Amino acid sequence: MNNGLIIEELNTILRASYMGIHSFEHYIQRLDDDELKKSFQTMQQDTKQSALKIAERIQNLGGEPANSEGFSGAMHSYMHKLKISGDPQKILEDAIKGINNYGVEYSEELVKGDLDQESKEVVEEVIDTNRKHVEQLKQLLH
C-alpha cells in the first residue's frame, strides 16, 4: 500500500479535525449557558485528542502532519464564524449538521479508500467519537 496516499488521506481528515476544533471555538465564544459551553468544551477536547491520534499515525508512516485546516478550511472557518448566531438552538443544529456532514459522512467516504488497516482503525475511532458527539448534541437539543 502506498504510504504517500495514506498520509494524504489522513491529512485530509486531520485538516477536517482542525476545522471542527475551530468550529467548537466559535460556538463556545457565542454561548452564554455555562452547562452548554462545558459540553462543547468537552467535545472540543475530544476532537483535539482525535487530531493528535491522526497526527501520530501520519508521523509513524513517515509523513508530516498538517498543522492547520488549510486555506480552504480557513476560508470555511471564517465564513462559519460570521454566520453563527448566539441562539443555543441554532448553535446545536449547526453543530449537529457540521459534525454529521464532515466528521462522520465525509470521513466515512475517505475510510473506504486507500488506508491500511491500522490507519483505518484510527479513523474509525475518530468517526465513532464524532457519532457520539452528534448523539450528545441531539440530546441537548431536545
C-alpha atoms as a PDB file:
ATOM      1  CA  MET A   1       0.000   0.000   0.000  1.00  0.00           C
ATOM      2  CA  ASN A   2       1.247   3.494  -0.883  1.00  0.00           C
ATOM      3  CA  ASN A   3       2.196   5.403   2.286  1.00  0.00           C
ATOM      4  CA  GLY A   4       2.105   8.711   0.410  1.00  0.00           C
ATOM      5  CA  LEU A   5      -1.538   8.205  -0.485  1.00  0.00           C
ATOM      6  CA  ILE A   6      -2.401   7.059   3.043  1.00  0.00           C
ATOM      7  CA  ILE A   7      -0.680  10.130   4.506  1.00  0.00           C
ATOM      8  CA  GLU A   8      -2.585  12.370   2.095  1.00  0.00           C
ATOM      9  CA  GLU A   9      -5.928  10.829   3.118  1.00  0.00           C
ATOM     10  CA  LEU A  10      -5.076  11.070   6.824  1.00  0.00           C
ATOM     11  CA  ASN A  11      -4.019  14.706   6.413  1.00  0.00           C
ATOM     12  CA  THR A  12      -7.388  15.432   4.796  1.00  0.00           C
ATOM     13  CA  ILE A  13      -9.128  14.041   7.873  1.00  0.00           C
ATOM     14  CA  LEU A  14      -6.683  15.896  10.127  1.00  0.00           C
ATOM     15  CA  ARG A  15      -7.484  19.212   8.422  1.00  0.00           C
ATOM     16  CA  ALA A  16     -11.202  18.464   8.890  1.00  0.00           C
ATOM     17  CA  SER A  17     -10.497  17.839  12.589  1.00  0.00           C
ATOM     18  CA  TYR A  18      -8.850  21.266  12.831  1.00  0.00           C
ATOM     19  CA  MET A  19     -11.962  22.763  11.229  1.00  0.00           C
ATOM     20  CA  GLY A  20     -14.031  21.032  13.908  1.00  0.00           C
ATOM     21  CA  ILE A  21     -11.807  22.363  16.701  1.00  0.00           C
ATOM     22  CA  HIS A  22     -12.196  25.903  15.349  1.00  0.00           C
ATOM     23  CA  SER A  23     -15.957  25.469  14.928  1.00  0.00           C
ATOM     24  CA  PHE A  24     -16.249  24.417  18.558  1.00  0.00           C
ATOM     25  CA  GLU A  25     -14.265  27.532  19.489  1.00  0.00           C
ATOM     26  CA  HIS A  26     -16.733  29.707  17.567  1.00  0.00           C
ATOM     27  CA  TYR A  27     -19.682  28.047  19.311  1.00  0.00           C
ATOM     28  CA  ILE A  28     -18.083  28.365  22.744  1.00  0.00           C
ATOM     29  CA  GLN A  29     -17.479  32.083  22.190  1.00  0.00           C
ATOM     30  CA  ARG A  30     -21.161  32.622  21.366  1.00  0.00           C
ATOM     31  CA  LEU A  31     -22.687  30.582  24.202  1.00  0.00           C
ATOM     32  CA  ASP A  32     -23.821  32.143  27.479  1.00  0.00           C
ATOM     33  CA  ASP A  33     -25.169  28.941  29.043  1.00  0.00           C
ATOM     34  CA  ASP A  34     -22.346  27.543  31.216  1.00  0.00           C
ATOM     35  CA  GLU A  35     -23.522  23.916  31.040  1.00  0.00           C
ATOM     36  CA  LEU A  36     -23.853  24.007  27.279  1.00  0.00           C
ATOM     37  CA  LYS A  37     -20.483  25.735  26.999  1.00  0.00           C
ATOM     38  CA  LYS A  38     -18.933  22.998  29.153  1.00  0.00           C
ATOM     39  CA  SER A  39     -20.403  20.290  26.892  1.00  0.00           C
ATOM     40  CA  PHE A  40     -18.920  21.988  23.837  1.00  0.00           C
ATOM     41  CA  GLN A  41     -15.549  22.360  25.584  1.00  0.00           C
ATOM     42  CA  THR A  42     -15.504  18.630  26.363  1.00  0.00           C
ATOM     43  CA  MET A  43     -16.312  17.787  22.738  1.00  0.00           C
ATOM     44  CA  GLN A  44     -13.600  20.190  21.583  1.00  0.00           C
ATOM     45  CA  GLN A  45     -11.079  18.393  23.806  1.00  0.00           C
ATOM     46  CA  ASP A  46     -12.170  15.043  22.338  1.00  0.00           C
ATOM     47  CA  THR A  47     -11.656  16.463  18.845  1.00  0.00           C
ATOM     48  CA  LYS A  48      -8.179  17.684  19.801  1.00  0.00           C
ATOM     49  CA  GLN A  49      -7.332  14.182  21.060  1.00  0.00           C
ATOM     50  CA  SER A  50      -8.584  12.713  17.792  1.00  0.00           C
ATOM     51  CA  ALA A  51      -6.372  15.132  15.849  1.00  0.00           C
ATOM     52  CA  LEU A  52      -3.371  14.055  17.929  1.00  0.00           C
ATOM     53  CA  LYS A  53      -4.039  10.378  17.147  1.00  0.00           C
ATOM     54  CA  ILE A  54      -4.254  11.089  13.424  1.00  0.00           C
ATOM     55  CA  ALA A  55      -1.096  13.230  13.509  1.00  0.00           C
ATOM     56  CA  GLU A  56       0.758  10.474  15.364  1.00  0.00           C
ATOM     57  CA  ARG A  57      -0.311   7.900  12.772  1.00  0.00           C
ATOM     58  CA  ILE A  58       0.908  10.175   9.973  1.00  0.00           C
ATOM     59  CA  GLN A  59       4.276  10.530  11.722  1.00  0.00           C
ATOM     60  CA  ASN A  60       4.515   6.757  12.189  1.00  0.00           C
ATOM     61  CA  LEU A  61       4.039   6.376   8.437  1.00  0.00           C
ATOM     62  CA  GLY A  62       6.946   8.773   7.862  1.00  0.00           C
ATOM     63  CA  GLY A  63       4.803  11.747   6.899  1.00  0.00           C
ATOM     64  CA  GLU A  64       4.393  15.285   8.132  1.00  0.00           C
ATOM     65  CA  PRO A  65       1.005  16.036   9.700  1.00  0.00           C
ATOM     66  CA  ALA A  66      -0.904  19.101   8.576  1.00  0.00           C
ATOM     67  CA  ASN A  67      -0.781  21.832  11.205  1.00  0.00           C
ATOM     68  CA  SER A  68      -3.944  23.710  10.250  1.00  0.00           C
ATOM     69  CA  GLU A  69      -7.193  23.292   8.379  1.00  0.00           C
ATOM     70  CA  GLY A  70      -5.535  24.601   5.208  1.00  0.00           C
ATOM     71  CA  PHE A  71      -6.539  27.584   3.080  1.00  0.00           C
ATOM     72  CA  SER A  72      -9.977  26.351   2.019  1.00  0.00           C
ATOM     73  CA  GLY A  73     -10.681  25.198   5.568  1.00  0.00           C
ATOM     74  CA  ALA A  74      -9.622  28.590   6.925  1.00  0.00           C
ATOM     75  CA  MET A  75     -11.982  30.318   4.498  1.00  0.00           C
ATOM     76  CA  HIS A  76     -14.796  27.972   5.514  1.00  0.00           C
ATOM     77  CA  SER A  77     -13.988  28.602   9.192  1.00  0.00           C
ATOM     78  CA  TYR A  78     -14.046  32.374   8.695  1.00  0.00           C
ATOM     79  CA  MET A  79     -17.402  32.265   6.897  1.00  0.00           C
ATOM     80  CA  HIS A  80     -18.757  29.916   9.536  1.00  0.00           C
ATOM     81  CA  LYS A  81     -17.724  32.288  12.312  1.00  0.00           C
ATOM     82  CA  LEU A  82     -19.601  35.145  10.643  1.00  0.00           C
ATOM     83  CA  LYS A  83     -22.864  33.241  10.294  1.00  0.00           C
ATOM     84  CA  ILE A  84     -23.125  31.781  13.807  1.00  0.00           C
ATOM     85  CA  SER A  85     -25.743  33.423  15.967  1.00  0.00           C
ATOM     86  CA  GLY A  86     -25.874  33.348  19.742  1.00  0.00           C
ATOM     87  CA  ASP A  87     -29.087  31.291  19.735  1.00  0.00           C
ATOM     88  CA  PRO A  88     -28.295  27.998  21.536  1.00  0.00           C
ATOM     89  CA  GLN A  89     -30.821  26.058  19.430  1.00  0.00           C
ATOM     90  CA  LYS A  90     -29.280  27.293  16.171  1.00  0.00           C
ATOM     91  CA  ILE A  91     -25.781  26.554  17.501  1.00  0.00           C
ATOM     92  CA  LEU A  92     -26.791  22.990  18.384  1.00  0.00           C
ATOM     93  CA  GLU A  93     -28.432  22.474  14.979  1.00  0.00           C
ATOM     94  CA  ASP A  94     -25.390  23.872  13.172  1.00  0.00           C
ATOM     95  CA  ALA A  95     -23.008  21.711  15.210  1.00  0.00           C
ATOM     96  CA  ILE A  96     -25.046  18.561  14.543  1.00  0.00           C
ATOM     97  CA  LYS A  97     -25.098  19.304  10.814  1.00  0.00           C
ATOM     98  CA  GLY A  98     -21.369  20.081  10.658  1.00  0.00           C
ATOM     99  CA  ILE A  99     -20.189  17.087  12.652  1.00  0.00           C
ATOM    100  CA  ASN A 100     -22.518  14.734  10.826  1.00  0.00           C
ATOM    101  CA  ASN A 101     -21.536  16.020   7.360  1.00  0.00           C
ATOM    102  CA  TYR A 102     -17.782  16.341   7.875  1.00  0.00           C
ATOM    103  CA  GLY A 103     -16.896  14.339  10.963  1.00  0.00           C
ATOM    104  CA  VAL A 104     -18.970  11.290  10.072  1.00  0.00           C
ATOM    105  CA  GLU A 105     -20.140  11.086   6.437  1.00  0.00           C
ATOM    106  CA  TYR A 106     -17.123  12.720   4.746  1.00  0.00           C
ATOM    107  CA  SER A 107     -14.705  10.768   6.929  1.00  0.00           C
ATOM    108  CA  GLU A 108     -16.538   7.512   6.176  1.00  0.00           C
ATOM    109  CA  GLU A 109     -16.048   8.164   2.457  1.00  0.00           C
ATOM    110  CA  LEU A 110     -12.306   8.581   2.995  1.00  0.00           C
ATOM    111  CA  VAL A 111     -12.075   5.362   5.022  1.00  0.00           C
ATOM    112  CA  LYS A 112     -13.474   3.450   2.056  1.00  0.00           C
ATOM    113  CA  GLY A 113     -10.392   4.487   0.103  1.00  0.00           C
ATOM    114  CA  ASP A 114      -6.726   3.731   0.354  1.00  0.00           C
ATOM    115  CA  LEU A 115      -5.985   3.228   4.046  1.00  0.00           C
ATOM    116  CA  ASP A 116      -4.022   0.432   5.648  1.00  0.00           C
ATOM    117  CA  GLN A 117      -5.705  -1.460   8.485  1.00  0.00           C
ATOM    118  CA  GLU A 118      -4.067   0.468  11.344  1.00  0.00           C
ATOM    119  CA  SER A 119      -4.887   3.859   9.791  1.00  0.00           C
ATOM    120  CA  LYS A 120      -8.436   2.704   9.129  1.00  0.00           C
ATOM    121  CA  GLU A 121      -8.823   1.742  12.793  1.00  0.00           C
ATOM    122  CA  VAL A 122      -7.601   5.174  13.910  1.00  0.00           C
ATOM    123  CA  VAL A 123     -10.030   6.923  11.569  1.00  0.00           C
ATOM    124  CA  GLU A 124     -12.925   4.669  12.599  1.00  0.00           C
ATOM    125  CA  GLU A 125     -12.227   5.558  16.246  1.00  0.00           C
ATOM    126  CA  VAL A 126     -12.384   9.252  15.307  1.00  0.00           C
ATOM    127  CA  ILE A 127     -15.651   8.699  13.416  1.00  0.00           C
ATOM    128  CA  ASP A 128     -17.128   6.873  16.437  1.00  0.00           C
ATOM    129  CA  THR A 129     -16.206   9.841  18.641  1.00  0.00           C
ATOM    130  CA  ASN A 130     -17.920  12.165  16.166  1.00  0.00           C
ATOM    131  CA  ARG A 131     -21.033   9.959  16.158  1.00  0.00           C
ATOM    132  CA  LYS A 132     -21.131  10.195  19.965  1.00  0.00           C
ATOM    133  CA  HIS A 133     -20.880  13.979  19.710  1.00  0.00           C
ATOM    134  CA  VAL A 134     -23.826  14.072  17.312  1.00  0.00           C
ATOM    135  CA  GLU A 135     -25.901  11.981  19.730  1.00  0.00           C
ATOM    136  CA  GLN A 136     -24.910  14.174  22.697  1.00  0.00           C
ATOM    137  CA  LEU A 137     -25.859  17.297  20.760  1.00  0.00           C
ATOM    138  CA  LYS A 138     -29.202  15.807  19.730  1.00  0.00           C
ATOM    139  CA  GLN A 139     -29.941  15.090  23.401  1.00  0.00           C
ATOM    140  CA  LEU A 140     -29.035  18.656  24.322  1.00  0.00           C
ATOM    141  CA  LEU A 141     -31.295  19.923  21.535  1.00  0.00           C
ATOM    142  CA  HIS A 142     -34.354  18.108  22.911  1.00  0.00           C
END
